[in-house]
């Protein structure tokens, strides 16, 4: 069993910066990919970013490219999402997820085995 806990969300003005994190605990040794998704009211959960845990390859949804940076600290078993130049449309609950299956399509929710509880990110105009 793997537990994922997000933190670091909050309320920020448009153009501001937040850096939520996702700490993993439990049986995390076989992690292949960790990703970030977000869920805004009235919309389906959508892919934001992901990283291959060992190789460090990163992936981004088009709307956040150049603004968000995903990273990970292997020793701390923690993934981060550096979000800069935030826009009101970035407002959502941000969830982290972990996949232990390998060979996945990182943008698919179905690819992930474990999910965190989410952290609220609100960007004001």
Protein backbone atom coordinates (compact mmCIF):
# COMPACT_ATOMS: atom_id res chain seq x y z
CA UNK A 1 0.00 0.00 0.00
CA UNK A 2 1.21 3.47 -0.92
CA UNK A 3 0.01 6.69 0.62
CA UNK A 4 0.34 10.02 -1.15
CA UNK A 5 -0.12 13.31 0.64
CA UNK A 6 -0.23 16.63 -1.17
CA UNK A 7 0.52 19.93 0.49
CA UNK A 8 1.52 23.44 -0.46
CA UNK A 9 -1.58 24.63 -2.23
CA UNK A 10 -3.18 27.90 -1.36
CA UNK A 11 -4.53 31.20 -2.56
CA UNK A 12 -2.36 33.32 -4.81
CA UNK A 13 -2.79 36.31 -7.05
CA UNK A 14 -2.59 35.88 -10.81
CA UNK A 15 1.03 35.86 -11.86
CA UNK A 16 2.13 34.39 -8.57
CA UNK A 17 3.93 31.21 -7.67
CA UNK A 18 3.11 28.08 -5.69
CA UNK A 19 5.06 24.88 -5.16
CA UNK A 20 2.86 22.06 -3.98
CA UNK A 21 4.49 18.81 -3.03
CA UNK A 22 3.47 15.19 -2.88
CA UNK A 23 5.05 12.97 -0.26
CA UNK A 24 4.89 9.23 -0.75
CA UNK A 25 5.06 6.65 1.99
CA UNK A 26 4.64 2.93 2.26
CA UNK A 27 5.80 0.51 -0.40
CA UNK A 28 7.24 3.07 -2.77
CA UNK A 29 10.34 1.23 -3.95
CA UNK A 30 8.87 0.12 -7.25
CA UNK A 31 7.55 3.50 -8.39
CA UNK A 32 7.87 4.09 -12.12
CA UNK A 33 5.96 7.31 -12.68
CA UNK A 34 4.36 10.00 -10.58
CA UNK A 35 2.01 12.57 -11.98
CA UNK A 36 -0.08 15.59 -11.20
CA UNK A 37 -3.71 15.97 -12.18
CA UNK A 38 -6.16 18.73 -11.43
CA UNK A 39 -9.90 18.86 -11.04
CA UNK A 40 -11.85 22.07 -11.42
CA UNK A 41 -15.57 22.37 -10.68
CA UNK A 42 -17.71 21.28 -13.60
CA UNK A 43 -14.80 19.70 -15.42
CA UNK A 44 -13.24 16.29 -15.52
CA UNK A 45 -9.93 15.65 -13.89
CA UNK A 46 -7.16 16.51 -16.33
CA UNK A 47 -3.52 15.71 -16.66
CA UNK A 48 -1.03 18.40 -15.68
CA UNK A 49 2.45 16.92 -15.45
CA UNK A 50 4.38 13.76 -14.71
CA UNK A 51 7.89 12.53 -14.13
CA UNK A 52 9.63 9.22 -14.51
CA UNK A 53 10.91 8.50 -11.04
CA UNK A 54 14.34 7.14 -11.90
CA UNK A 55 15.17 8.67 -15.25
CA UNK A 56 13.67 12.06 -14.49
CA UNK A 57 11.91 12.45 -17.81
CA UNK A 58 9.17 15.02 -17.51
CA UNK A 59 5.87 15.53 -19.26
CA UNK A 60 3.54 18.53 -19.37
CA UNK A 61 0.10 19.40 -20.58
CA UNK A 62 0.33 22.09 -23.23
CA UNK A 63 -1.34 24.81 -21.20
CA UNK A 64 1.30 24.65 -18.46
CA UNK A 65 4.44 24.22 -20.54
CA UNK A 66 6.96 26.91 -19.73
CA UNK A 67 5.18 27.80 -16.50
CA UNK A 68 5.20 24.61 -14.44
CA UNK A 69 8.17 22.45 -13.57
CA UNK A 70 7.86 19.00 -12.06
CA UNK A 71 10.72 17.53 -10.06
CA UNK A 72 11.36 14.83 -7.53
CA UNK A 73 13.59 14.13 -4.56
CA UNK A 74 14.29 10.42 -4.48
CA UNK A 75 15.62 10.42 -0.93
CA UNK A 76 12.57 12.20 0.43
CA UNK A 77 10.18 10.26 -1.81
CA UNK A 78 8.61 13.56 -2.71
CA UNK A 79 7.46 15.08 -5.97
CA UNK A 80 7.12 18.81 -6.47
CA UNK A 81 5.28 21.02 -8.89
CA UNK A 82 6.77 24.48 -9.25
CA UNK A 83 3.96 26.61 -10.63
CA UNK A 84 4.84 30.08 -11.85
CA UNK A 85 2.88 32.71 -13.74
CA UNK A 86 -0.30 31.26 -12.34
CA UNK A 87 -3.56 32.08 -14.06
CA UNK A 88 -7.13 31.97 -12.77
CA UNK A 89 -7.78 29.02 -15.05
CA UNK A 90 -5.20 27.06 -13.05
CA UNK A 91 -7.60 27.08 -10.12
CA UNK A 92 -8.41 23.51 -9.18
CA UNK A 93 -7.79 20.78 -6.69
CA UNK A 94 -4.42 19.31 -7.56
CA UNK A 95 -3.91 15.60 -7.08
CA UNK A 96 -0.76 13.57 -7.21
CA UNK A 97 -0.75 10.00 -8.39
CA UNK A 98 1.70 7.14 -8.62
CA UNK A 99 1.99 4.30 -11.07
CA UNK A 100 3.84 1.08 -10.36
CA UNK A 101 3.04 -0.76 -13.56
CA UNK A 102 5.46 0.72 -16.05
CA UNK A 103 4.94 1.26 -19.74
CA UNK A 104 2.05 3.62 -19.15
CA UNK A 105 0.56 6.57 -20.96
CA UNK A 106 1.26 9.21 -18.34
CA UNK A 107 -1.66 11.46 -19.22
CA UNK A 108 -4.25 8.76 -18.54
CA UNK A 109 -5.86 8.55 -15.12
CA UNK A 110 -6.22 4.83 -15.64
CA UNK A 111 -2.44 4.45 -15.66
CA UNK A 112 -2.11 5.31 -11.98
CA UNK A 113 -2.55 3.03 -9.01
CA UNK A 114 -2.56 5.41 -6.07
CA UNK A 115 -3.90 8.89 -5.52
CA UNK A 116 -3.51 11.57 -2.91
CA UNK A 117 -6.31 13.53 -1.29
CA UNK A 118 -5.66 16.69 -3.26
CA UNK A 119 -4.59 20.21 -2.41
CA UNK A 120 -6.57 23.29 -3.35
CA UNK A 121 -4.95 25.87 -5.59
CA UNK A 122 -6.87 29.09 -6.07
CA UNK A 123 -5.64 31.87 -8.33
CA UNK A 124 -7.41 35.18 -8.06
CA UNK A 125 -7.77 37.68 -10.88
